[in-house]
Amino acid sequence: MSIDRSRFRIINELKHLWPAEGQELQPGDSVEGTLKEKRPGVGSNKSNVYFLVQDGGEEIGVWGSTVIDSAMRDVEIGTYVGIEFAGMKSPRGGGAAYKDFIIGVRETAKAAKK
């Protein structure tokens, strides 16, 4: 028996994620939208997911990473966010390469009124 989805707000269903499973990011790939929610501990890796509402109204979840999580730590709900893949980067002291991202924020009219 399935639940009547019209009676519930589903909280654990992730339909649109960026990057999508198996998607190989290319430098310049990006996503943007108004930050709606930050959800910690998602999936088998207990990652953060940041839910953005894009200009067309579609909601997309962005998987966190060390770089994204660090930049998004103090970003408030209602802020317009842009995230761009900047390619692979090697740490100065050596070690494994990691995915680098450029994260930008812009204040929305709603956030400016606070």
Protein backbone atom coordinates (compact mmCIF):
# COMPACT_ATOMS: atom_id res chain seq x y z
CA MET A 1 0.00 0.00 0.00
CA SER A 2 1.33 3.44 -0.94
CA ILE A 3 0.77 6.64 0.99
CA ASP A 4 -1.57 9.26 -0.44
CA ARG A 5 1.09 11.77 -1.56
CA SER A 6 -1.50 14.54 -1.85
CA ARG A 7 -1.84 14.45 1.95
CA PHE A 8 1.88 14.70 2.74
CA ARG A 9 4.88 16.91 2.07
CA ILE A 10 7.48 14.31 1.09
CA ILE A 11 10.75 15.12 2.88
CA ASN A 12 13.14 12.45 1.67
CA GLU A 13 12.52 12.34 -2.06
CA LEU A 14 15.26 13.90 -4.16
CA LYS A 15 14.18 14.20 -7.79
CA HIS A 16 16.59 16.70 -9.35
CA LEU A 17 20.14 16.77 -8.07
CA TRP A 18 23.22 18.57 -9.29
CA PRO A 19 25.47 17.04 -10.27
CA ALA A 20 23.25 14.13 -11.28
CA GLU A 21 24.42 10.61 -10.53
CA GLY A 22 27.12 9.68 -13.04
CA GLN A 23 27.35 13.24 -14.42
CA GLU A 24 30.91 14.27 -15.16
CA LEU A 25 31.18 17.98 -14.53
CA GLN A 26 33.04 20.16 -16.99
CA PRO A 27 34.61 23.48 -15.99
CA GLY A 28 31.93 26.13 -16.39
CA ASP A 29 29.00 23.82 -15.58
CA SER A 30 26.80 25.73 -13.17
CA VAL A 31 23.53 25.96 -11.32
CA GLU A 32 21.81 28.88 -9.65
CA GLY A 33 18.71 29.76 -7.70
CA THR A 34 17.32 31.01 -4.41
CA LEU A 35 18.40 28.95 -1.41
CA LYS A 36 15.28 27.36 0.03
CA GLU A 37 16.69 24.77 2.43
CA LYS A 38 19.89 23.23 3.75
CA ARG A 39 19.52 19.54 4.57
CA PRO A 40 22.40 17.74 6.35
CA GLY A 41 23.11 14.01 6.49
CA VAL A 42 21.62 12.91 3.16
CA GLY A 43 22.48 9.65 1.42
CA SER A 44 25.02 6.97 2.21
CA ASN A 45 27.81 9.54 2.63
CA LYS A 46 25.70 11.72 4.95
CA SER A 47 26.29 14.73 2.70
CA ASN A 48 24.70 18.14 2.85
CA VAL A 49 22.18 19.01 0.15
CA TYR A 50 21.32 22.62 -0.67
CA PHE A 51 17.89 23.13 -2.25
CA LEU A 52 17.70 25.96 -4.76
CA VAL A 53 14.57 27.28 -6.46
CA GLN A 54 15.56 28.17 -10.00
CA ASP A 55 14.12 31.13 -11.93
CA GLY A 56 11.50 28.92 -13.63
CA GLY A 57 10.29 27.67 -10.23
CA GLU A 58 11.91 24.25 -10.49
CA GLU A 59 13.66 23.04 -7.34
CA ILE A 60 17.07 21.41 -7.57
CA GLY A 61 19.22 19.88 -4.85
CA VAL A 62 22.96 20.56 -4.93
CA TRP A 63 25.23 17.98 -3.34
CA GLY A 64 27.61 19.48 -0.82
CA SER A 65 31.36 18.98 -0.84
CA THR A 66 34.13 20.33 1.36
CA VAL A 67 34.44 23.41 -0.88
CA ILE A 68 30.68 23.98 -1.25
CA ASP A 69 29.92 23.31 2.42
CA SER A 70 32.59 25.76 3.55
CA ALA A 71 31.27 28.52 1.27
CA MET A 72 27.59 27.86 2.07
CA ARG A 73 28.03 27.71 5.86
CA ASP A 74 26.87 31.30 6.46
CA VAL A 75 24.57 31.73 3.44
CA GLU A 76 21.06 32.52 4.65
CA ILE A 77 17.85 31.02 3.34
CA GLY A 78 16.39 33.34 0.69
CA THR A 79 19.77 34.29 -0.78
CA TYR A 80 20.27 33.88 -4.53
CA VAL A 81 23.23 31.54 -5.08
CA GLY A 82 25.32 30.62 -8.12
CA ILE A 83 27.63 27.58 -8.08
CA GLU A 84 30.10 26.90 -10.89
CA PHE A 85 32.45 23.95 -11.30
CA ALA A 86 35.97 25.37 -11.62
CA GLY A 87 37.72 22.10 -12.46
CA MET A 88 40.02 19.84 -10.51
CA LYS A 89 42.52 21.43 -8.15
CA SER A 90 45.58 19.97 -6.44
CA PRO A 91 46.40 21.00 -2.87
CA ARG A 92 49.56 23.10 -2.47
CA GLY A 93 51.23 20.62 -0.17
CA GLY A 94 50.42 17.65 -2.40
CA GLY A 95 47.73 15.06 -1.94
CA ALA A 96 44.71 14.05 -3.93
CA ALA A 97 43.08 16.45 -6.40
CA TYR A 98 39.61 17.69 -5.51
CA LYS A 99 36.68 19.36 -7.27
CA ASP A 100 36.85 23.14 -6.97
CA PHE A 101 33.79 25.37 -7.17
CA ILE A 102 33.17 29.09 -7.43
CA ILE A 103 30.23 30.13 -5.26
CA GLY A 104 28.60 33.53 -5.60
CA VAL A 105 25.70 35.09 -3.72
CA ARG A 106 23.40 37.97 -4.47
CA GLU A 107 20.85 39.44 -2.14
CA THR A 108 17.25 39.01 -3.26
CA ALA A 109 14.60 41.64 -2.62
CA LYS A 110 13.07 39.41 0.08
CA ALA A 111 16.40 39.02 1.91
CA ALA A 112 17.11 42.76 1.64
CA LYS A 113 13.92 43.62 3.59
CA LYS A 114 15.05 41.75 6.72
